[in-house]
Amino acid sequence: MNLFDNAVKYSKIDSKVIVKQWIQSKTSDAIITVRSVPNHSISEKEIEKIFDIGYRGENATSIIASGTGLGLYICRYLIENRFSGSISAQRDKDGILFTLRIPHGEIE
């Protein structure tokens, strides 16, 4: 939930947050992508730290003074440790793209 909340909270006004999901046929993994256009450009240096405990990006600190920097750390922890999956972030033409991969996402 935090990932989706952040995507909306830190996006440019009137921009879209695009969420896509599918089951990868070859592996049966659930893939979820969240693409947004942040208020401020995100550097590669920030992307490298985005899941670190206590880290808050420039975009977050310039918009909302309070915050713990725990949200994306907890997202990564849960995806990796509870679901044995992965989560990543990368710069994407005008914004940022988060990709979640959850093994065996399809229930038979």
PDB file of N, CA and C in Angstrom:
ATOM      1  N   MET A   1       0.829  -1.189   0.000  1.00  0.00           N
ATOM      2  CA  MET A   1       0.000   0.000   0.000  1.00  0.00           C
ATOM      3  C   MET A   1       0.874   1.252   0.000  1.00  0.00           C
ATOM      4  N   ASN A   2       1.971   1.206   0.737  1.00  0.00           N
ATOM      5  CA  ASN A   2       2.847   2.369   0.818  1.00  0.00           C
ATOM      6  C   ASN A   2       3.404   2.768  -0.541  1.00  0.00           C
ATOM      7  N   LEU A   3       3.743   1.784  -1.337  1.00  0.00           N
ATOM      8  CA  LEU A   3       4.279   2.067  -2.673  1.00  0.00           C
ATOM      9  C   LEU A   3       3.269   2.856  -3.508  1.00  0.00           C
ATOM     10  N   PHE A   4       2.016   2.445  -3.479  1.00  0.00           N
ATOM     11  CA  PHE A   4       0.968   3.127  -4.243  1.00  0.00           C
ATOM     12  C   PHE A   4       0.697   4.522  -3.665  1.00  0.00           C
ATOM     13  N   ASP A   5       0.682   4.615  -2.344  1.00  0.00           N
ATOM     14  CA  ASP A   5       0.470   5.895  -1.670  1.00  0.00           C
ATOM     15  C   ASP A   5       1.575   6.881  -2.047  1.00  0.00           C
ATOM     16  N   ASN A   6       2.831   6.432  -2.018  1.00  0.00           N
ATOM     17  CA  ASN A   6       3.957   7.294  -2.394  1.00  0.00           C
ATOM     18  C   ASN A   6       3.849   7.740  -3.848  1.00  0.00           C
ATOM     19  N   ALA A   7       3.455   6.827  -4.716  1.00  0.00           N
ATOM     20  CA  ALA A   7       3.342   7.163  -6.137  1.00  0.00           C
ATOM     21  C   ALA A   7       2.353   8.310  -6.342  1.00  0.00           C
ATOM     22  N   VAL A   8       1.262   8.290  -5.627  1.00  0.00           N
ATOM     23  CA  VAL A   8       0.257   9.351  -5.744  1.00  0.00           C
ATOM     24  C   VAL A   8       0.733  10.618  -5.029  1.00  0.00           C
ATOM     25  N   LYS A   9       1.219  10.475  -3.818  1.00  0.00           N
ATOM     26  CA  LYS A   9       1.598  11.619  -2.986  1.00  0.00           C
ATOM     27  C   LYS A   9       2.726  12.462  -3.589  1.00  0.00           C
ATOM     28  N   TYR A  10       3.694  11.824  -4.232  1.00  0.00           N
ATOM     29  CA  TYR A  10       4.865  12.539  -4.723  1.00  0.00           C
ATOM     30  C   TYR A  10       4.855  12.772  -6.240  1.00  0.00           C
ATOM     31  N   SER A  11       3.727  12.510  -6.885  1.00  0.00           N
ATOM     32  CA  SER A  11       3.622  12.721  -8.334  1.00  0.00           C
ATOM     33  C   SER A  11       3.253  14.164  -8.656  1.00  0.00           C
ATOM     34  N   LYS A  12       3.608  14.558  -9.882  1.00  0.00           N
ATOM     35  CA  LYS A  12       3.204  15.876 -10.370  1.00  0.00           C
ATOM     36  C   LYS A  12       1.684  15.958 -10.383  1.00  0.00           C
ATOM     37  N   ILE A  13       1.181  17.136 -10.124  1.00  0.00           N
ATOM     38  CA  ILE A  13      -0.261  17.367 -10.181  1.00  0.00           C
ATOM     39  C   ILE A  13      -0.738  17.090 -11.604  1.00  0.00           C
ATOM     40  N   ASP A  14      -1.866  16.444 -11.729  1.00  0.00           N
ATOM     41  CA  ASP A  14      -2.498  16.091 -13.002  1.00  0.00           C
ATOM     42  C   ASP A  14      -1.748  15.019 -13.795  1.00  0.00           C
ATOM     43  N   SER A  15      -0.756  14.380 -13.186  1.00  0.00           N
ATOM     44  CA  SER A  15      -0.097  13.261 -13.871  1.00  0.00           C
ATOM     45  C   SER A  15      -0.793  11.967 -13.460  1.00  0.00           C
ATOM     46  N   LYS A  16      -0.535  10.916 -14.206  1.00  0.00           N
ATOM     47  CA  LYS A  16      -1.164   9.629 -13.930  1.00  0.00           C
ATOM     48  C   LYS A  16      -0.172   8.678 -13.262  1.00  0.00           C
ATOM     49  N   VAL A  17      -0.686   7.884 -12.358  1.00  0.00           N
ATOM     50  CA  VAL A  17       0.069   6.760 -11.817  1.00  0.00           C
ATOM     51  C   VAL A  17      -0.476   5.544 -12.547  1.00  0.00           C
ATOM     52  N   ILE A  18       0.400   4.841 -13.239  1.00  0.00           N
ATOM     53  CA  ILE A  18      -0.038   3.706 -14.049  1.00  0.00           C
ATOM     54  C   ILE A  18       0.411   2.411 -13.376  1.00  0.00           C
ATOM     55  N   VAL A  19      -0.574   1.584 -13.043  1.00  0.00           N
ATOM     56  CA  VAL A  19      -0.314   0.289 -12.408  1.00  0.00           C
ATOM     57  C   VAL A  19      -0.711  -0.799 -13.394  1.00  0.00           C
ATOM     58  N   LYS A  20       0.208  -1.710 -13.631  1.00  0.00           N
ATOM     59  CA  LYS A  20      -0.078  -2.854 -14.507  1.00  0.00           C
ATOM     60  C   LYS A  20       0.279  -4.121 -13.753  1.00  0.00           C
ATOM     61  N   GLN A  21      -0.426  -5.175 -14.067  1.00  0.00           N
ATOM     62  CA  GLN A  21      -0.129  -6.466 -13.435  1.00  0.00           C
ATOM     63  C   GLN A  21      -0.420  -7.580 -14.423  1.00  0.00           C
ATOM     64  N   TRP A  22       0.366  -8.633 -14.312  1.00  0.00           N
ATOM     65  CA  TRP A  22       0.149  -9.810 -15.146  1.00  0.00           C
ATOM     66  C   TRP A  22       0.876 -10.988 -14.517  1.00  0.00           C
ATOM     67  N   ILE A  23       0.503 -12.159 -14.981  1.00  0.00           N
ATOM     68  CA  ILE A  23       1.185 -13.393 -14.591  1.00  0.00           C
ATOM     69  C   ILE A  23       2.103 -13.770 -15.740  1.00  0.00           C
ATOM     70  N   GLN A  24       3.386 -13.903 -15.454  1.00  0.00           N
ATOM     71  CA  GLN A  24       4.351 -14.287 -16.481  1.00  0.00           C
ATOM     72  C   GLN A  24       4.132 -15.765 -16.801  1.00  0.00           C
ATOM     73  N   SER A  25       3.812 -16.058 -18.039  1.00  0.00           N
ATOM     74  CA  SER A  25       3.410 -17.419 -18.414  1.00  0.00           C
ATOM     75  C   SER A  25       4.524 -18.448 -18.193  1.00  0.00           C
ATOM     76  N   LYS A  26       5.756 -18.076 -18.442  1.00  0.00           N
ATOM     77  CA  LYS A  26       6.870 -19.019 -18.331  1.00  0.00           C
ATOM     78  C   LYS A  26       7.147 -19.460 -16.887  1.00  0.00           C
ATOM     79  N   THR A  27       6.999 -18.500 -15.928  1.00  0.00           N
ATOM     80  CA  THR A  27       7.363 -18.786 -14.532  1.00  0.00           C
ATOM     81  C   THR A  27       6.177 -18.800 -13.568  1.00  0.00           C
ATOM     82  N   SER A  28       5.032 -18.336 -13.998  1.00  0.00           N
ATOM     83  CA  SER A  28       3.849 -18.136 -13.148  1.00  0.00           C
ATOM     84  C   SER A  28       4.064 -17.076 -12.072  1.00  0.00           C
ATOM     85  N   ASP A  29       5.089 -16.236 -12.258  1.00  0.00           N
ATOM     86  CA  ASP A  29       5.320 -15.152 -11.312  1.00  0.00           C
ATOM     87  C   ASP A  29       4.317 -14.034 -11.567  1.00  0.00           C
ATOM     88  N   ALA A  30       3.860 -13.411 -10.485  1.00  0.00           N
ATOM     89  CA  ALA A  30       3.038 -12.209 -10.601  1.00  0.00           C
ATOM     90  C   ALA A  30       3.985 -11.026 -10.769  1.00  0.00           C
ATOM     91  N   ILE A  31       3.740 -10.206 -11.770  1.00  0.00           N
ATOM     92  CA  ILE A  31       4.542  -9.009 -12.022  1.00  0.00           C
ATOM     93  C   ILE A  31       3.612  -7.810 -11.878  1.00  0.00           C
ATOM     94  N   ILE A  32       4.031  -6.845 -11.081  1.00  0.00           N
ATOM     95  CA  ILE A  32       3.256  -5.625 -10.880  1.00  0.00           C
ATOM     96  C   ILE A  32       4.205  -4.453 -11.127  1.00  0.00           C
ATOM     97  N   THR A  33       3.803  -3.529 -11.984  1.00  0.00           N
ATOM     98  CA  THR A  33       4.605  -2.330 -12.210  1.00  0.00           C
ATOM     99  C   THR A  33       3.800  -1.102 -11.804  1.00  0.00           C
ATOM    100  N   VAL A  34       4.507  -0.140 -11.231  1.00  0.00           N
ATOM    101  CA  VAL A  34       3.903   1.129 -10.828  1.00  0.00           C
ATOM    102  C   VAL A  34       4.775   2.234 -11.418  1.00  0.00           C
ATOM    103  N   ARG A  35       4.211   2.996 -12.327  1.00  0.00           N
ATOM    104  CA  ARG A  35       4.951   4.066 -13.001  1.00  0.00           C
ATOM    105  C   ARG A  35       4.327   5.402 -12.623  1.00  0.00           C
ATOM    106  N   SER A  36       5.186   6.359 -12.231  1.00  0.00           N
ATOM    107  CA  SER A  36       4.692   7.692 -11.889  1.00  0.00           C
ATOM    108  C   SER A  36       5.705   8.752 -12.325  1.00  0.00           C
ATOM    109  N   VAL A  37       5.245   9.987 -12.347  1.00  0.00           N
ATOM    110  CA  VAL A  37       6.087  11.126 -12.696  1.00  0.00           C
ATOM    111  C   VAL A  37       6.201  11.989 -11.444  1.00  0.00           C
ATOM    112  N   PRO A  38       7.347  11.928 -10.774  1.00  0.00           N
ATOM    113  CA  PRO A  38       7.507  12.677  -9.526  1.00  0.00           C
ATOM    114  C   PRO A  38       7.548  14.190  -9.746  1.00  0.00           C
ATOM    115  N   ASN A  39       7.268  14.933  -8.668  1.00  0.00           N
ATOM    116  CA  ASN A  39       7.344  16.395  -8.708  1.00  0.00           C
ATOM    117  C   ASN A  39       8.729  16.880  -9.104  1.00  0.00           C
ATOM    118  N   HIS A  40       9.752  16.196  -8.626  1.00  0.00           N
ATOM    119  CA  HIS A  40      11.139  16.553  -8.915  1.00  0.00           C
ATOM    120  C   HIS A  40      11.833  15.344  -9.517  1.00  0.00           C
ATOM    121  N   SER A  41      12.757  15.589 -10.403  1.00  0.00           N
ATOM    122  CA  SER A  41      13.519  14.504 -11.017  1.00  0.00           C
ATOM    123  C   SER A  41      14.271  13.707  -9.942  1.00  0.00           C
ATOM    124  N   ILE A  42      14.346  12.406 -10.141  1.00  0.00           N
ATOM    125  CA  ILE A  42      15.036  11.524  -9.196  1.00  0.00           C
ATOM    126  C   ILE A  42      16.351  11.097  -9.827  1.00  0.00           C
ATOM    127  N   SER A  43      17.427  11.274  -9.086  1.00  0.00           N
ATOM    128  CA  SER A  43      18.754  10.940  -9.600  1.00  0.00           C
ATOM    129  C   SER A  43      19.036   9.446  -9.431  1.00  0.00           C
ATOM    130  N   GLU A  44      20.024   8.968 -10.170  1.00  0.00           N
ATOM    131  CA  GLU A  44      20.455   7.567 -10.029  1.00  0.00           C
ATOM    132  C   GLU A  44      20.938   7.295  -8.603  1.00  0.00           C
ATOM    133  N   LYS A  45      21.579   8.286  -7.998  1.00  0.00           N
ATOM    134  CA  LYS A  45      22.079   8.150  -6.618  1.00  0.00           C
ATOM    135  C   LYS A  45      20.914   7.898  -5.657  1.00  0.00           C
ATOM    136  N   GLU A  46      19.801   8.616  -5.875  1.00  0.00           N
ATOM    137  CA  GLU A  46      18.621   8.416  -5.032  1.00  0.00           C
ATOM    138  C   GLU A  46      18.000   7.044  -5.273  1.00  0.00           C
ATOM    139  N   ILE A  47      17.962   6.623  -6.530  1.00  0.00           N
ATOM    140  CA  ILE A  47      17.395   5.314  -6.859  1.00  0.00           C
ATOM    141  C   ILE A  47      18.157   4.212  -6.115  1.00  0.00           C
ATOM    142  N   GLU A  48      19.465   4.339  -6.035  1.00  0.00           N
ATOM    143  CA  GLU A  48      20.292   3.334  -5.351  1.00  0.00           C
ATOM    144  C   GLU A  48      19.967   3.228  -3.866  1.00  0.00           C
ATOM    145  N   LYS A  49      19.481   4.318  -3.265  1.00  0.00           N
ATOM    146  CA  LYS A  49      19.218   4.361  -1.816  1.00  0.00           C
ATOM    147  C   LYS A  49      17.739   4.231  -1.459  1.00  0.00           C
ATOM    148  N   ILE A  50      16.870   4.194  -2.446  1.00  0.00           N
ATOM    149  CA  ILE A  50      15.440   4.368  -2.224  1.00  0.00           C
ATOM    150  C   ILE A  50      14.820   3.333  -1.260  1.00  0.00           C
ATOM    151  N   PHE A  51      15.408   2.143  -1.176  1.00  0.00           N
ATOM    152  CA  PHE A  51      14.878   1.111  -0.286  1.00  0.00           C
ATOM    153  C   PHE A  51      15.650   1.017   1.040  1.00  0.00           C
ATOM    154  N   ASP A  52      16.639   1.890   1.245  1.00  0.00           N
ATOM    155  CA  ASP A  52      17.429   1.860   2.484  1.00  0.00           C
ATOM    156  C   ASP A  52      16.599   2.333   3.663  1.00  0.00           C
ATOM    157  N   ILE A  53      16.815   1.715   4.802  1.00  0.00           N
ATOM    158  CA  ILE A  53      16.083   2.093   6.012  1.00  0.00           C
ATOM    159  C   ILE A  53      16.405   3.546   6.377  1.00  0.00           C
ATOM    160  N   GLY A  54      15.348   4.317   6.619  1.00  0.00           N
ATOM    161  CA  GLY A  54      15.498   5.708   7.020  1.00  0.00           C
ATOM    162  C   GLY A  54      15.749   6.694   5.897  1.00  0.00           C
ATOM    163  N   TYR A  55      15.855   6.221   4.656  1.00  0.00           N
ATOM    164  CA  TYR A  55      16.150   7.131   3.554  1.00  0.00           C
ATOM    165  C   TYR A  55      14.894   7.834   3.066  1.00  0.00           C
ATOM    166  N   ARG A  56      14.993   9.141   2.915  1.00  0.00           N
ATOM    167  CA  ARG A  56      13.923   9.935   2.307  1.00  0.00           C
ATOM    168  C   ARG A  56      14.533  10.751   1.190  1.00  0.00           C
ATOM    169  N   GLY A  57      13.988  10.629   0.012  1.00  0.00           N
ATOM    170  CA  GLY A  57      14.507  11.335  -1.151  1.00  0.00           C
ATOM    171  C   GLY A  57      14.241  12.827  -1.095  1.00  0.00           C
ATOM    172  N   GLU A  58      14.907  13.541  -1.986  1.00  0.00           N
ATOM    173  CA  GLU A  58      14.745  14.988  -2.080  1.00  0.00           C
ATOM    174  C   GLU A  58      13.292  15.367  -2.332  1.00  0.00           C
ATOM    175  N   ASN A  59      12.628  14.601  -3.181  1.00  0.00           N
ATOM    176  CA  ASN A  59      11.221  14.850  -3.501  1.00  0.00           C
ATOM    177  C   ASN A  59      10.366  14.768  -2.232  1.00  0.00           C
ATOM    178  N   ALA A  60      10.616  13.755  -1.414  1.00  0.00           N
ATOM    179  CA  ALA A  60       9.836  13.556  -0.192  1.00  0.00           C
ATOM    180  C   ALA A  60      10.080  14.679   0.810  1.00  0.00           C
ATOM    181  N   THR A  61      11.337  15.034   1.017  1.00  0.00           N
ATOM    182  CA  THR A  61      11.631  16.056   2.016  1.00  0.00           C
ATOM    183  C   THR A  61      11.203  17.450   1.578  1.00  0.00           C
ATOM    184  N   SER A  62      11.132  17.699   0.276  1.00  0.00           N
ATOM    185  CA  SER A  62      10.716  19.022  -0.191  1.00  0.00           C
ATOM    186  C   SER A  62       9.202  19.201  -0.136  1.00  0.00           C
ATOM    187  N   ILE A  63       8.455  18.105  -0.176  1.00  0.00           N
ATOM    188  CA  ILE A  63       6.992  18.197  -0.196  1.00  0.00           C
ATOM    189  C   ILE A  63       6.388  18.045   1.196  1.00  0.00           C
ATOM    190  N   ILE A  64       6.857  17.041   1.932  1.00  0.00           N
ATOM    191  CA  ILE A  64       6.293  16.725   3.242  1.00  0.00           C
ATOM    192  C   ILE A  64       7.443  16.676   4.242  1.00  0.00           C
ATOM    193  N   ALA A  65       7.375  17.549   5.239  1.00  0.00           N
ATOM    194  CA  ALA A  65       8.477  17.652   6.206  1.00  0.00           C
ATOM    195  C   ALA A  65       8.612  16.402   7.065  1.00  0.00           C
ATOM    196  N   SER A  66       7.494  15.818   7.472  1.00  0.00           N
ATOM    197  CA  SER A  66       7.563  14.648   8.347  1.00  0.00           C
ATOM    198  C   SER A  66       7.667  13.365   7.530  1.00  0.00           C
ATOM    199  N   GLY A  67       8.160  12.339   8.155  1.00  0.00           N
ATOM    200  CA  GLY A  67       8.295  11.040   7.508  1.00  0.00           C
ATOM    201  C   GLY A  67       9.444  10.290   8.142  1.00  0.00           C
ATOM    202  N   THR A  68       9.379   8.979   8.061  1.00  0.00           N
ATOM    203  CA  THR A  68      10.392   8.155   8.732  1.00  0.00           C
ATOM    204  C   THR A  68      11.378   7.512   7.777  1.00  0.00           C
ATOM    205  N   GLY A  69      11.032   7.425   6.498  1.00  0.00           N
ATOM    206  CA  GLY A  69      11.898   6.720   5.561  1.00  0.00           C
ATOM    207  C   GLY A  69      11.809   5.217   5.729  1.00  0.00           C
ATOM    208  N   LEU A  70      10.699   4.737   6.284  1.00  0.00           N
ATOM    209  CA  LEU A  70      10.529   3.303   6.509  1.00  0.00           C
ATOM    210  C   LEU A  70       9.657   2.628   5.465  1.00  0.00           C
ATOM    211  N   GLY A  71       8.810   3.366   4.786  1.00  0.00           N
ATOM    212  CA  GLY A  71       7.806   2.785   3.897  1.00  0.00           C
ATOM    213  C   GLY A  71       8.353   1.860   2.833  1.00  0.00           C
ATOM    214  N   LEU A  72       9.283   2.333   2.007  1.00  0.00           N
ATOM    215  CA  LEU A  72       9.811   1.494   0.929  1.00  0.00           C
ATOM    216  C   LEU A  72      10.745   0.411   1.462  1.00  0.00           C
ATOM    217  N   TYR A  73      11.393   0.689   2.583  1.00  0.00           N
ATOM    218  CA  TYR A  73      12.207  -0.353   3.236  1.00  0.00           C
ATOM    219  C   TYR A  73      11.307  -1.527   3.644  1.00  0.00           C
ATOM    220  N   ILE A  74      10.161  -1.211   4.244  1.00  0.00           N
ATOM    221  CA  ILE A  74       9.212  -2.254   4.665  1.00  0.00           C
ATOM    222  C   ILE A  74       8.643  -2.977   3.454  1.00  0.00           C
ATOM    223  N   CYS A  75       8.333  -2.244   2.386  1.00  0.00           N
ATOM    224  CA  CYS A  75       7.854  -2.887   1.151  1.00  0.00           C
ATOM    225  C   CYS A  75       8.860  -3.933   0.677  1.00  0.00           C
ATOM    226  N   ARG A  76      10.127  -3.537   0.585  1.00  0.00           N
ATOM    227  CA  ARG A  76      11.165  -4.471   0.123  1.00  0.00           C
ATOM    228  C   ARG A  76      11.292  -5.660   1.073  1.00  0.00           C
ATOM    229  N   TYR A  77      11.287  -5.378   2.369  1.00  0.00           N
ATOM    230  CA  TYR A  77      11.411  -6.442   3.356  1.00  0.00           C
ATOM    231  C   TYR A  77      10.296  -7.482   3.188  1.00  0.00           C
ATOM    232  N   LEU A  78       9.064  -7.013   3.066  1.00  0.00           N
ATOM    233  CA  LEU A  78       7.932  -7.933   2.938  1.00  0.00           C
ATOM    234  C   LEU A  78       7.971  -8.724   1.631  1.00  0.00           C
ATOM    235  N   ILE A  79       8.235  -8.032   0.532  1.00  0.00           N
ATOM    236  CA  ILE A  79       8.283  -8.706  -0.773  1.00  0.00           C
ATOM    237  C   ILE A  79       9.376  -9.774  -0.767  1.00  0.00           C
ATOM    238  N   GLU A  80      10.564  -9.440  -0.252  1.00  0.00           N
ATOM    239  CA  GLU A  80      11.683 -10.385  -0.277  1.00  0.00           C
ATOM    240  C   GLU A  80      11.542 -11.495   0.751  1.00  0.00           C
ATOM    241  N   ASN A  81      11.115 -11.158   1.974  1.00  0.00           N
ATOM    242  CA  ASN A  81      11.111 -12.140   3.058  1.00  0.00           C
ATOM    243  C   ASN A  81       9.800 -12.891   3.247  1.00  0.00           C
ATOM    244  N   ARG A  82       8.703 -12.265   2.957  1.00  0.00           N
ATOM    245  CA  ARG A  82       7.403 -12.934   3.112  1.00  0.00           C
ATOM    246  C   ARG A  82       7.006 -13.692   1.849  1.00  0.00           C
ATOM    247  N   PHE A  83       7.328 -13.096   0.679  1.00  0.00           N
ATOM    248  CA  PHE A  83       6.894 -13.680  -0.581  1.00  0.00           C
ATOM    249  C   PHE A  83       8.029 -14.235  -1.429  1.00  0.00           C
ATOM    250  N   SER A  84       9.266 -14.137  -0.937  1.00  0.00           N
ATOM    251  CA  SER A  84      10.455 -14.592  -1.683  1.00  0.00           C
ATOM    252  C   SER A  84      10.522 -13.950  -3.072  1.00  0.00           C
ATOM    253  N   GLY A  85      10.089 -12.703  -3.138  1.00  0.00           N
ATOM    254  CA  GLY A  85      10.064 -11.992  -4.413  1.00  0.00           C
ATOM    255  C   GLY A  85      11.127 -10.916  -4.474  1.00  0.00           C
ATOM    256  N   SER A  86      10.897  -9.968  -5.383  1.00  0.00           N
ATOM    257  CA  SER A  86      11.835  -8.866  -5.530  1.00  0.00           C
ATOM    258  C   SER A  86      11.078  -7.591  -5.872  1.00  0.00           C
ATOM    259  N   ILE A  87      11.711  -6.480  -5.549  1.00  0.00           N
ATOM    260  CA  ILE A  87      11.173  -5.170  -5.895  1.00  0.00           C
ATOM    261  C   ILE A  87      12.353  -4.321  -6.353  1.00  0.00           C
ATOM    262  N   SER A  88      12.139  -3.564  -7.407  1.00  0.00           N
ATOM    263  CA  SER A  88      13.208  -2.709  -7.910  1.00  0.00           C
ATOM    264  C   SER A  88      12.616  -1.382  -8.349  1.00  0.00           C
ATOM    265  N   ALA A  89      13.502  -0.398  -8.466  1.00  0.00           N
ATOM    266  CA  ALA A  89      13.107   0.923  -8.944  1.00  0.00           C
ATOM    267  C   ALA A  89      14.119   1.358  -9.983  1.00  0.00           C
ATOM    268  N   GLN A  90      13.618   2.034 -11.011  1.00  0.00           N
ATOM    269  CA  GLN A  90      14.519   2.566 -12.031  1.00  0.00           C
ATOM    270  C   GLN A  90      13.929   3.833 -12.623  1.00  0.00           C
ATOM    271  N   ARG A  91      14.813   4.697 -13.084  1.00  0.00           N
ATOM    272  CA  ARG A  91      14.348   5.883 -13.788  1.00  0.00           C
ATOM    273  C   ARG A  91      13.738   5.435 -15.103  1.00  0.00           C
ATOM    274  N   ASP A  92      12.673   6.110 -15.466  1.00  0.00           N
ATOM    275  CA  ASP A  92      11.912   5.733 -16.654  1.00  0.00           C
ATOM    276  C   ASP A  92      11.531   7.013 -17.378  1.00  0.00           C
ATOM    277  N   LYS A  93      11.870   7.168 -18.592  1.00  0.00           N
ATOM    278  CA  LYS A  93      11.821   8.409 -19.365  1.00  0.00           C
ATOM    279  C   LYS A  93      11.487   9.653 -18.558  1.00  0.00           C
ATOM    280  N   ASP A  94      10.255   9.894 -18.163  1.00  0.00           N
ATOM    281  CA  ASP A  94       9.915  11.107 -17.414  1.00  0.00           C
ATOM    282  C   ASP A  94       9.776  10.876 -15.921  1.00  0.00           C
ATOM    283  N   GLY A  95       9.885   9.638 -15.484  1.00  0.00           N
ATOM    284  CA  GLY A  95       9.582   9.381 -14.091  1.00  0.00           C
ATOM    285  C   GLY A  95      10.329   8.217 -13.493  1.00  0.00           C
ATOM    286  N   ILE A  96       9.594   7.446 -12.719  1.00  0.00           N
ATOM    287  CA  ILE A  96      10.164   6.312 -12.007  1.00  0.00           C
ATOM    288  C   ILE A  96       9.254   5.101 -12.193  1.00  0.00           C
ATOM    289  N   LEU A  97       9.882   3.943 -12.309  1.00  0.00           N
ATOM    290  CA  LEU A  97       9.149   2.690 -12.497  1.00  0.00           C
ATOM    291  C   LEU A  97       9.559   1.715 -11.405  1.00  0.00           C
ATOM    292  N   PHE A  98       8.581   1.258 -10.628  1.00  0.00           N
ATOM    293  CA  PHE A  98       8.800   0.210  -9.637  1.00  0.00           C
ATOM    294  C   PHE A  98       8.291  -1.096 -10.232  1.00  0.00           C
ATOM    295  N   THR A  99       9.053  -2.162 -10.044  1.00  0.00           N
ATOM    296  CA  THR A  99       8.647  -3.479 -10.520  1.00  0.00           C
ATOM    297  C   THR A  99       8.694  -4.461  -9.358  1.00  0.00           C
ATOM    298  N   LEU A 100       7.562  -5.113  -9.113  1.00  0.00           N
ATOM    299  CA  LEU A 100       7.468  -6.148  -8.091  1.00  0.00           C
ATOM    300  C   LEU A 100       7.316  -7.483  -8.786  1.00  0.00           C
ATOM    301  N   ARG A 101       8.036  -8.470  -8.298  1.00  0.00           N
ATOM    302  CA  ARG A 101       7.943  -9.828  -8.846  1.00  0.00           C
ATOM    303  C   ARG A 101       7.688 -10.767  -7.667  1.00  0.00           C
ATOM    304  N   ILE A 102       6.574 -11.497  -7.756  1.00  0.00           N
ATOM    305  CA  ILE A 102       6.209 -12.440  -6.698  1.00  0.00           C
ATOM    306  C   ILE A 102       6.132 -13.827  -7.313  1.00  0.00           C
ATOM    307  N   PRO A 103       7.029 -14.730  -6.886  1.00  0.00           N
ATOM    308  CA  PRO A 103       7.052 -16.077  -7.466  1.00  0.00           C
ATOM    309  C   PRO A 103       5.730 -16.811  -7.256  1.00  0.00           C
ATOM    310  N   HIS A 104       5.362 -17.603  -8.246  1.00  0.00           N
ATOM    311  CA  HIS A 104       4.169 -18.449  -8.179  1.00  0.00           C
ATOM    312  C   HIS A 104       2.933 -17.645  -7.816  1.00  0.00           C
ATOM    313  N   GLY A 105       2.756 -16.518  -8.478  1.00  0.00           N
ATOM    314  CA  GLY A 105       1.652 -15.618  -8.196  1.00  0.00           C
ATOM    315  C   GLY A 105       0.304 -16.134  -8.659  1.00  0.00           C
ATOM    316  N   GLU A 106       0.318 -17.174  -9.451  1.00  0.00           N
ATOM    317  CA  GLU A 106      -0.927 -17.725  -9.963  1.00  0.00           C
ATOM    318  C   GLU A 106      -1.334 -18.915  -9.107  1.00  0.00           C
ATOM    319  N   ILE A 107      -2.524 -18.855  -8.578  1.00  0.00           N
ATOM    320  CA  ILE A 107      -3.032 -19.960  -7.767  1.00  0.00           C
ATOM    321  C   ILE A 107      -3.789 -20.916  -8.661  1.00  0.00           C
ATOM    322  N   GLU A 108      -3.424 -22.165  -8.583  1.00  0.00           N
ATOM    323  CA  GLU A 108      -4.077 -23.162  -9.442  1.00  0.00           C
ATOM    324  C   GLU A 108      -5.186 -23.867  -8.719  1.00  0.00           C
TER     325      GLU A 108
END
